[in-house]
Structures are given as C-alpha cells and as structure tokens.
C-alpha cells in the first residue's frame, strides 16, 4: 500500500463530535505552553515533505507562535509525554489499529500512534502494561516501531495542556476509536483533529496545509477550518476519508 500512512475514528461529516469531561476539580492548565507550537514528523523517515514543514512553520510563526520542529527518531516517548507543553501540536506520523478479544469474548479495536523509534525488546514491559506495542507500517512490514496506545496518553502525559489547545494528527486511524482523543481530553485538550480510517500521504499533506491556512491566515475556528478543508478537497480520492474533529468542554 504505497503512499499510505497508517491511522482511526469515524465521525459525521462536517460535524464536531463533542465530549463532556467528568465534573470535579478543574485542571490547572499549562499557561507557560500558550503561544508554543510543536511539529513532530516521524513520517518523514519514509515520506519526507520539507515543503509542508516549512509552510506550516511559517504560518505558525506569522501567527505569533514559537515553533519547535522534531524529526525522525527524536519523535519518541519522551516527546509524547511533553505534548502538554504546547498549545498547537501537529503530529505527522504513522498510525495503526488492531483488534483484540476481551475476557468476556467481545472483539474490540485499539489504535496507536507511532513514534520514530525502532522497536526494541526493552519496550516489552510497555506491552504488558498496555502502554505501547510493536507496530509495522503497511507500506513496509519489515520495519517495526514503538507505537503508543490510549492508556499511555491517559497516564503518562505530563500535567495539562494550555487553554484552547489543539492536536492535529496527520496519520491514518487516529480517530477509528475516540480513545486517544479522550485520553488527551482528560489532560485539558480542546480539539483533536485527525482521520478515522486510512488516508494517502498526498491527500493528508494537502489537507494539513489547507487546515493551517484556514485556521491562522483566514482566522477561522478549528471546526470551521476542518469544514472548509472538506468542502475544498473532499474526501481522500482513493480512501474516501474526510478530515474529522473532536472537541472537549
């Protein structure tokens, strides 16, 4: 499946799926992270796109953000733990999904986000704790990477995101279940943007650039920007997948 990044959640076209977080003591947001943005690109190991990185970096800087760009193997577990240090995050990565059978015999789907770190036996403990797993990109099953599971984002993220924070996951399957998004929402995330199923790299990259242009150059809200991207580009021409957005309040 050449040109496919792995990723998962299906949401109604153009609609914002909204979740209410549990009531209780309100979290303390990471105010220091306001005005900071992260672009993390491990997909560039297989599908580099320097023009996208330059364009999105320029858009964010023009909007007043301090931008950190992290590439390749440096997109690691430690970086994911520190996503809460940023108000805007773009993860250009592989994503994946798998099915498993519960003790009661129910078949469930779980999704994960790839790091750029090659799989090693030292990560076996993460598998036992359902924090991470070995994952292989569809286009090259001979390679194996560490991928992080929903429980990791719930238990290992450091503190809380800044107010009105957004994570854009440019991968397949980041929204095939809501679990990763909800895990970040529990840490104060406002918006999670991604794709439910598989998406071609070409369409995904084009959509990402358009998304940031609509949001920061045209001044649209994140939900409005997602809608405009879908209106302009339509679904992925090969995979029929639309960009989706989940919000938390």
C-alpha atoms as a PDB file:
ATOM      1  CA  UNK A   1       0.000   0.000   0.000  1.00  0.00           C
ATOM      2  CA  UNK A   2       2.465   2.590  -1.201  1.00  0.00           C
ATOM      3  CA  UNK A   3       1.808   6.141  -0.127  1.00  0.00           C
ATOM      4  CA  UNK A   4      -0.329   5.164   2.839  1.00  0.00           C
ATOM      5  CA  UNK A   5       0.300   6.384   6.346  1.00  0.00           C
ATOM      6  CA  UNK A   6      -1.295   4.229   8.971  1.00  0.00           C
ATOM      7  CA  UNK A   7      -4.048   5.921  11.237  1.00  0.00           C
ATOM      8  CA  UNK A   8      -8.507   5.813  13.265  1.00  0.00           C
ATOM      9  CA  UNK A   9     -12.417   7.458  14.431  1.00  0.00           C
ATOM     10  CA  UNK A  10     -15.461   7.877  12.165  1.00  0.00           C
ATOM     11  CA  UNK A  11     -17.456  10.997  12.774  1.00  0.00           C
ATOM     12  CA  UNK A  12     -20.356  12.586  10.934  1.00  0.00           C
ATOM     13  CA  UNK A  13     -19.114  14.670   8.033  1.00  0.00           C
ATOM     14  CA  UNK A  14     -18.540  18.318   8.986  1.00  0.00           C
ATOM     15  CA  UNK A  15     -19.979  17.775  12.460  1.00  0.00           C
ATOM     16  CA  UNK A  16     -17.984  18.462  15.581  1.00  0.00           C
ATOM     17  CA  UNK A  17     -18.185  15.494  17.908  1.00  0.00           C
ATOM     18  CA  UNK A  18     -18.202  16.910  21.411  1.00  0.00           C
ATOM     19  CA  UNK A  19     -17.472  15.151  24.679  1.00  0.00           C
ATOM     20  CA  UNK A  20     -18.117  16.445  28.162  1.00  0.00           C
ATOM     21  CA  UNK A  21     -15.321  15.712  30.582  1.00  0.00           C
ATOM     22  CA  UNK A  22     -16.087  14.379  34.073  1.00  0.00           C
ATOM     23  CA  UNK A  23     -17.087  17.036  36.598  1.00  0.00           C
ATOM     24  CA  UNK A  24     -14.822  17.731  39.524  1.00  0.00           C
ATOM     25  CA  UNK A  25     -11.919  19.952  40.454  1.00  0.00           C
ATOM     26  CA  UNK A  26     -10.978  21.878  37.289  1.00  0.00           C
ATOM     27  CA  UNK A  27      -7.475  21.146  35.993  1.00  0.00           C
ATOM     28  CA  UNK A  28      -4.724  23.720  36.145  1.00  0.00           C
ATOM     29  CA  UNK A  29      -3.785  24.490  32.530  1.00  0.00           C
ATOM     30  CA  UNK A  30      -0.193  24.825  31.410  1.00  0.00           C
ATOM     31  CA  UNK A  31      -0.209  28.580  30.906  1.00  0.00           C
ATOM     32  CA  UNK A  32       3.503  28.534  30.053  1.00  0.00           C
ATOM     33  CA  UNK A  33       2.701  26.490  26.943  1.00  0.00           C
ATOM     34  CA  UNK A  34       0.437  29.168  25.475  1.00  0.00           C
ATOM     35  CA  UNK A  35       1.953  30.550  22.293  1.00  0.00           C
ATOM     36  CA  UNK A  36       4.113  27.463  21.722  1.00  0.00           C
ATOM     37  CA  UNK A  37       3.662  25.023  18.848  1.00  0.00           C
ATOM     38  CA  UNK A  38       5.177  21.647  18.019  1.00  0.00           C
ATOM     39  CA  UNK A  39       5.620  19.989  14.640  1.00  0.00           C
ATOM     40  CA  UNK A  40       6.683  16.366  15.119  1.00  0.00           C
ATOM     41  CA  UNK A  41       7.416  14.436  11.919  1.00  0.00           C
ATOM     42  CA  UNK A  42       8.443  10.798  12.082  1.00  0.00           C
ATOM     43  CA  UNK A  43       6.534  10.022   8.871  1.00  0.00           C
ATOM     44  CA  UNK A  44       9.352  11.870   7.135  1.00  0.00           C
ATOM     45  CA  UNK A  45      11.544   8.811   7.651  1.00  0.00           C
ATOM     46  CA  UNK A  46       9.516   7.170   4.874  1.00  0.00           C
ATOM     47  CA  UNK A  47       7.686  10.079   3.229  1.00  0.00           C
ATOM     48  CA  UNK A  48       9.635  13.337   3.633  1.00  0.00           C
ATOM     49  CA  UNK A  49       7.882  16.611   2.834  1.00  0.00           C
ATOM     50  CA  UNK A  50      10.112  19.567   3.589  1.00  0.00           C
ATOM     51  CA  UNK A  51       7.740  21.974   1.820  1.00  0.00           C
ATOM     52  CA  UNK A  52       4.934  21.108   4.228  1.00  0.00           C
ATOM     53  CA  UNK A  53       7.178  21.569   7.243  1.00  0.00           C
ATOM     54  CA  UNK A  54       8.410  24.934   6.001  1.00  0.00           C
ATOM     55  CA  UNK A  55       4.925  26.137   5.123  1.00  0.00           C
ATOM     56  CA  UNK A  56       3.276  25.164   8.409  1.00  0.00           C
ATOM     57  CA  UNK A  57       6.227  26.518  10.399  1.00  0.00           C
ATOM     58  CA  UNK A  58       5.940  29.838   8.563  1.00  0.00           C
ATOM     59  CA  UNK A  59       2.168  30.016   9.164  1.00  0.00           C
ATOM     60  CA  UNK A  60       2.585  29.376  12.874  1.00  0.00           C
ATOM     61  CA  UNK A  61       5.430  31.860  13.288  1.00  0.00           C
ATOM     62  CA  UNK A  62       3.464  34.530  11.439  1.00  0.00           C
ATOM     63  CA  UNK A  63       0.621  33.839  13.877  1.00  0.00           C
ATOM     64  CA  UNK A  64       2.974  34.577  16.774  1.00  0.00           C
ATOM     65  CA  UNK A  65       3.889  31.062  17.872  1.00  0.00           C
ATOM     66  CA  UNK A  66       7.282  29.868  18.988  1.00  0.00           C
ATOM     67  CA  UNK A  67       7.708  26.679  16.954  1.00  0.00           C
ATOM     68  CA  UNK A  68       9.678  23.543  17.785  1.00  0.00           C
ATOM     69  CA  UNK A  69      10.267  21.061  14.951  1.00  0.00           C
ATOM     70  CA  UNK A  70      11.219  17.489  15.872  1.00  0.00           C
ATOM     71  CA  UNK A  71      12.101  14.882  13.262  1.00  0.00           C
ATOM     72  CA  UNK A  72      12.597  11.156  12.800  1.00  0.00           C
ATOM     73  CA  UNK A  73      13.763   9.117  15.771  1.00  0.00           C
ATOM     74  CA  UNK A  74      13.558  12.152  18.029  1.00  0.00           C
ATOM     75  CA  UNK A  75       9.782  11.729  17.879  1.00  0.00           C
ATOM     76  CA  UNK A  76       9.983   9.477  20.901  1.00  0.00           C
ATOM     77  CA  UNK A  77       8.161   8.544  24.070  1.00  0.00           C
ATOM     78  CA  UNK A  78       9.626  11.476  25.982  1.00  0.00           C
ATOM     79  CA  UNK A  79       8.348  13.938  23.385  1.00  0.00           C
ATOM     80  CA  UNK A  80       4.846  12.462  23.549  1.00  0.00           C
ATOM     81  CA  UNK A  81       4.873  12.806  27.336  1.00  0.00           C
ATOM     82  CA  UNK A  82       5.535  16.522  26.877  1.00  0.00           C
ATOM     83  CA  UNK A  83       2.818  17.310  24.331  1.00  0.00           C
ATOM     84  CA  UNK A  84       1.108  19.296  27.077  1.00  0.00           C
ATOM     85  CA  UNK A  85       3.891  21.891  26.787  1.00  0.00           C
ATOM     86  CA  UNK A  86       2.299  23.146  23.560  1.00  0.00           C
ATOM     87  CA  UNK A  87      -0.866  24.969  22.572  1.00  0.00           C
ATOM     88  CA  UNK A  88      -0.787  23.681  18.984  1.00  0.00           C
ATOM     89  CA  UNK A  89       0.623  20.285  18.023  1.00  0.00           C
ATOM     90  CA  UNK A  90       0.991  18.739  14.572  1.00  0.00           C
ATOM     91  CA  UNK A  91       1.923  15.057  14.618  1.00  0.00           C
ATOM     92  CA  UNK A  92       2.873  13.860  11.127  1.00  0.00           C
ATOM     93  CA  UNK A  93       3.287  10.188  11.866  1.00  0.00           C
ATOM     94  CA  UNK A  94       2.215   6.649  11.106  1.00  0.00           C
ATOM     95  CA  UNK A  95      -0.824   5.401  12.990  1.00  0.00           C
ATOM     96  CA  UNK A  96      -2.311   1.959  13.282  1.00  0.00           C
ATOM     97  CA  UNK A  97      -5.098  -0.202  14.611  1.00  0.00           C
ATOM     98  CA  UNK A  98      -5.595  -3.748  15.824  1.00  0.00           C
ATOM     99  CA  UNK A  99      -8.406  -5.888  17.168  1.00  0.00           C
ATOM    100  CA  UNK A 100      -8.333  -7.904  20.370  1.00  0.00           C
ATOM    101  CA  UNK A 101     -10.680 -10.154  22.309  1.00  0.00           C
ATOM    102  CA  UNK A 102     -11.671  -9.257  25.862  1.00  0.00           C
ATOM    103  CA  UNK A 103     -12.035 -11.755  28.688  1.00  0.00           C
ATOM    104  CA  UNK A 104     -15.786 -11.793  28.017  1.00  0.00           C
ATOM    105  CA  UNK A 105     -15.202 -12.671  24.362  1.00  0.00           C
ATOM    106  CA  UNK A 106     -16.001  -9.220  22.979  1.00  0.00           C
ATOM    107  CA  UNK A 107     -13.925  -8.097  19.992  1.00  0.00           C
ATOM    108  CA  UNK A 108     -12.650  -4.527  20.336  1.00  0.00           C
ATOM    109  CA  UNK A 109     -10.455  -2.206  18.297  1.00  0.00           C
ATOM    110  CA  UNK A 110      -7.484  -0.344  19.702  1.00  0.00           C
ATOM    111  CA  UNK A 111      -5.433   2.303  17.930  1.00  0.00           C
ATOM    112  CA  UNK A 112      -1.938   3.630  18.443  1.00  0.00           C
ATOM    113  CA  UNK A 113       0.334   6.457  17.324  1.00  0.00           C
ATOM    114  CA  UNK A 114       3.798   5.579  16.047  1.00  0.00           C
ATOM    115  CA  UNK A 115       6.973   7.082  17.386  1.00  0.00           C
ATOM    116  CA  UNK A 116      10.031   7.272  15.159  1.00  0.00           C
ATOM    117  CA  UNK A 117      11.855   4.845  17.444  1.00  0.00           C
ATOM    118  CA  UNK A 118      12.620   1.351  16.104  1.00  0.00           C
ATOM    119  CA  UNK A 119      11.111  -1.437  18.170  1.00  0.00           C
ATOM    120  CA  UNK A 120      13.355  -2.983  20.804  1.00  0.00           C
ATOM    121  CA  UNK A 121      12.857  -5.738  23.351  1.00  0.00           C
ATOM    122  CA  UNK A 122      13.344  -3.086  26.043  1.00  0.00           C
ATOM    123  CA  UNK A 123       9.780  -1.973  25.282  1.00  0.00           C
ATOM    124  CA  UNK A 124       8.224  -5.338  26.169  1.00  0.00           C
ATOM    125  CA  UNK A 125       7.143  -4.027  29.573  1.00  0.00           C
ATOM    126  CA  UNK A 126       5.111  -1.331  27.830  1.00  0.00           C
ATOM    127  CA  UNK A 127       3.215  -4.079  26.010  1.00  0.00           C
ATOM    128  CA  UNK A 128       2.425  -5.864  29.259  1.00  0.00           C
ATOM    129  CA  UNK A 129       1.017  -2.635  30.696  1.00  0.00           C
ATOM    130  CA  UNK A 130      -0.931  -1.761  27.515  1.00  0.00           C
ATOM    131  CA  UNK A 131       1.025   1.478  27.170  1.00  0.00           C
ATOM    132  CA  UNK A 132       2.770   0.681  23.893  1.00  0.00           C
ATOM    133  CA  UNK A 133       3.260  -2.019  21.309  1.00  0.00           C
ATOM    134  CA  UNK A 134       5.286  -3.114  18.308  1.00  0.00           C
ATOM    135  CA  UNK A 135       3.814  -1.672  15.118  1.00  0.00           C
ATOM    136  CA  UNK A 136       4.662  -2.076  11.451  1.00  0.00           C
ATOM    137  CA  UNK A 137       3.801   0.442   8.723  1.00  0.00           C
ATOM    138  CA  UNK A 138       1.604  -1.010   5.987  1.00  0.00           C
ATOM    139  CA  UNK A 139       3.945   0.017   3.196  1.00  0.00           C
ATOM    140  CA  UNK A 140       6.974  -1.662   4.813  1.00  0.00           C
ATOM    141  CA  UNK A 141       6.051  -4.524   7.175  1.00  0.00           C
ATOM    142  CA  UNK A 142       9.713  -5.443   7.592  1.00  0.00           C
ATOM    143  CA  UNK A 143      10.205  -2.372   9.773  1.00  0.00           C
ATOM    144  CA  UNK A 144       8.883  -2.218  13.337  1.00  0.00           C
ATOM    145  CA  UNK A 145       8.452   0.838  15.559  1.00  0.00           C
ATOM    146  CA  UNK A 146       7.258   1.635  19.039  1.00  0.00           C
ATOM    147  CA  UNK A 147       3.641   2.805  18.929  1.00  0.00           C
ATOM    148  CA  UNK A 148       1.881   4.309  21.933  1.00  0.00           C
ATOM    149  CA  UNK A 149      -1.615   3.267  22.992  1.00  0.00           C
ATOM    150  CA  UNK A 150      -4.531   5.222  24.531  1.00  0.00           C
ATOM    151  CA  UNK A 151      -3.571   4.263  28.077  1.00  0.00           C
ATOM    152  CA  UNK A 152      -0.168   5.919  27.571  1.00  0.00           C
ATOM    153  CA  UNK A 153      -1.777   9.257  26.741  1.00  0.00           C
ATOM    154  CA  UNK A 154      -4.111   8.989  29.710  1.00  0.00           C
ATOM    155  CA  UNK A 155      -1.485   8.016  32.289  1.00  0.00           C
ATOM    156  CA  UNK A 156       1.822   9.389  31.026  1.00  0.00           C
ATOM    157  CA  UNK A 157       1.096  12.849  29.659  1.00  0.00           C
ATOM    158  CA  UNK A 158       2.621  15.449  31.949  1.00  0.00           C
ATOM    159  CA  UNK A 159       0.047  17.743  33.514  1.00  0.00           C
ATOM    160  CA  UNK A 160      -2.449  19.636  31.385  1.00  0.00           C
ATOM    161  CA  UNK A 161      -2.498  21.360  28.009  1.00  0.00           C
ATOM    162  CA  UNK A 162      -2.662  25.152  27.744  1.00  0.00           C
ATOM    163  CA  UNK A 163      -6.108  26.715  27.284  1.00  0.00           C
ATOM    164  CA  UNK A 164      -7.714  26.233  23.855  1.00  0.00           C
ATOM    165  CA  UNK A 165      -5.096  23.711  22.782  1.00  0.00           C
ATOM    166  CA  UNK A 166      -5.307  21.613  19.619  1.00  0.00           C
ATOM    167  CA  UNK A 167      -3.606  18.419  18.467  1.00  0.00           C
ATOM    168  CA  UNK A 168      -3.686  17.633  14.742  1.00  0.00           C
ATOM    169  CA  UNK A 169      -2.739  14.031  13.986  1.00  0.00           C
ATOM    170  CA  UNK A 170      -1.712  13.597  10.355  1.00  0.00           C
ATOM    171  CA  UNK A 171      -1.922   9.830  10.151  1.00  0.00           C
ATOM    172  CA  UNK A 172      -4.345   7.029   9.486  1.00  0.00           C
ATOM    173  CA  UNK A 173      -6.655   5.707  12.189  1.00  0.00           C
ATOM    174  CA  UNK A 174      -6.133   8.380  14.862  1.00  0.00           C
ATOM    175  CA  UNK A 175      -9.920   8.543  15.255  1.00  0.00           C
ATOM    176  CA  UNK A 176     -11.020   4.980  14.467  1.00  0.00           C
ATOM    177  CA  UNK A 177     -11.839   4.919  18.159  1.00  0.00           C
ATOM    178  CA  UNK A 178     -12.187   8.019  20.360  1.00  0.00           C
ATOM    179  CA  UNK A 179      -9.833   6.605  22.981  1.00  0.00           C
ATOM    180  CA  UNK A 180      -6.633   8.521  22.207  1.00  0.00           C
ATOM    181  CA  UNK A 181      -8.560  11.762  21.757  1.00  0.00           C
ATOM    182  CA  UNK A 182     -10.423  11.234  25.036  1.00  0.00           C
ATOM    183  CA  UNK A 183      -7.164  10.452  26.831  1.00  0.00           C
ATOM    184  CA  UNK A 184      -5.778  13.813  25.712  1.00  0.00           C
ATOM    185  CA  UNK A 185      -9.085  15.487  26.525  1.00  0.00           C
ATOM    186  CA  UNK A 186      -8.667  14.306  30.100  1.00  0.00           C
ATOM    187  CA  UNK A 187      -5.493  16.430  30.121  1.00  0.00           C
ATOM    188  CA  UNK A 188      -7.304  19.585  29.055  1.00  0.00           C
ATOM    189  CA  UNK A 189      -7.107  19.319  25.263  1.00  0.00           C
ATOM    190  CA  UNK A 190      -9.754  21.414  23.472  1.00  0.00           C
ATOM    191  CA  UNK A 191      -9.648  19.979  19.932  1.00  0.00           C
ATOM    192  CA  UNK A 192      -8.351  16.764  18.380  1.00  0.00           C
ATOM    193  CA  UNK A 193      -8.193  16.644  14.567  1.00  0.00           C
ATOM    194  CA  UNK A 194      -7.478  13.538  12.518  1.00  0.00           C
ATOM    195  CA  UNK A 195      -8.763  10.808  10.232  1.00  0.00           C
ATOM    196  CA  UNK A 196     -10.928   7.817  11.051  1.00  0.00           C
ATOM    197  CA  UNK A 197      -9.516   5.366   8.536  1.00  0.00           C
ATOM    198  CA  UNK A 198      -6.619   5.021   6.104  1.00  0.00           C
ATOM    199  CA  UNK A 199      -5.560   8.080   4.137  1.00  0.00           C
ATOM    200  CA  UNK A 200      -2.987   8.620   1.406  1.00  0.00           C
ATOM    201  CA  UNK A 201       0.023  10.737   2.270  1.00  0.00           C
ATOM    202  CA  UNK A 202      -0.614  13.030  -0.683  1.00  0.00           C
ATOM    203  CA  UNK A 203      -4.157  13.904   0.379  1.00  0.00           C
ATOM    204  CA  UNK A 204      -3.235  14.096   4.042  1.00  0.00           C
ATOM    205  CA  UNK A 205      -0.391  16.550   3.483  1.00  0.00           C
ATOM    206  CA  UNK A 206      -2.520  18.752   1.259  1.00  0.00           C
ATOM    207  CA  UNK A 207      -5.291  18.796   3.868  1.00  0.00           C
ATOM    208  CA  UNK A 208      -2.879  19.689   6.669  1.00  0.00           C
ATOM    209  CA  UNK A 209      -1.528  22.738   4.855  1.00  0.00           C
ATOM    210  CA  UNK A 210      -5.044  23.894   3.972  1.00  0.00           C
ATOM    211  CA  UNK A 211      -6.153  23.384   7.578  1.00  0.00           C
ATOM    212  CA  UNK A 212      -3.434  25.623   8.983  1.00  0.00           C
ATOM    213  CA  UNK A 213      -4.025  28.232   6.276  1.00  0.00           C
ATOM    214  CA  UNK A 214      -7.737  28.413   7.054  1.00  0.00           C
ATOM    215  CA  UNK A 215      -7.156  28.483  10.803  1.00  0.00           C
ATOM    216  CA  UNK A 216      -4.369  31.050  11.058  1.00  0.00           C
ATOM    217  CA  UNK A 217      -4.360  33.021   7.806  1.00  0.00           C
ATOM    218  CA  UNK A 218      -8.136  33.174   7.280  1.00  0.00           C
ATOM    219  CA  UNK A 219      -8.902  33.375  11.007  1.00  0.00           C
ATOM    220  CA  UNK A 220     -11.454  30.560  11.103  1.00  0.00           C
ATOM    221  CA  UNK A 221     -12.079  28.456  14.176  1.00  0.00           C
ATOM    222  CA  UNK A 222     -10.737  24.904  14.145  1.00  0.00           C
ATOM    223  CA  UNK A 223     -14.182  23.390  13.414  1.00  0.00           C
ATOM    224  CA  UNK A 224     -14.747  25.918  10.623  1.00  0.00           C
ATOM    225  CA  UNK A 225     -11.294  25.217   9.193  1.00  0.00           C
ATOM    226  CA  UNK A 226     -11.966  21.472   9.130  1.00  0.00           C
ATOM    227  CA  UNK A 227     -15.257  22.088   7.340  1.00  0.00           C
ATOM    228  CA  UNK A 228     -13.595  24.304   4.734  1.00  0.00           C
ATOM    229  CA  UNK A 229     -10.862  21.732   4.090  1.00  0.00           C
ATOM    230  CA  UNK A 230     -13.505  19.085   3.475  1.00  0.00           C
ATOM    231  CA  UNK A 231     -15.517  21.444   1.267  1.00  0.00           C
ATOM    232  CA  UNK A 232     -12.481  22.325  -0.830  1.00  0.00           C
ATOM    233  CA  UNK A 233     -10.693  18.989  -1.069  1.00  0.00           C
ATOM    234  CA  UNK A 234     -13.475  16.498  -0.498  1.00  0.00           C
ATOM    235  CA  UNK A 235     -12.570  13.039   0.769  1.00  0.00           C
ATOM    236  CA  UNK A 236      -9.334  11.247   0.024  1.00  0.00           C
ATOM    237  CA  UNK A 237      -9.831  10.221  -3.639  1.00  0.00           C
ATOM    238  CA  UNK A 238      -8.540   6.701  -3.005  1.00  0.00           C
ATOM    239  CA  UNK A 239      -9.725   6.004   0.547  1.00  0.00           C
ATOM    240  CA  UNK A 240     -12.861   8.196   0.731  1.00  0.00           C
ATOM    241  CA  UNK A 241     -11.858   9.537   4.151  1.00  0.00           C
ATOM    242  CA  UNK A 242     -12.731  13.024   5.395  1.00  0.00           C
ATOM    243  CA  UNK A 243     -10.876  15.064   7.981  1.00  0.00           C
ATOM    244  CA  UNK A 244     -12.602  14.910  11.398  1.00  0.00           C
ATOM    245  CA  UNK A 245     -12.570  16.960  14.575  1.00  0.00           C
ATOM    246  CA  UNK A 246     -13.450  16.145  18.185  1.00  0.00           C
ATOM    247  CA  UNK A 247     -13.930  18.813  20.839  1.00  0.00           C
ATOM    248  CA  UNK A 248     -13.946  18.692  24.630  1.00  0.00           C
ATOM    249  CA  UNK A 249     -15.571  21.020  27.121  1.00  0.00           C
END
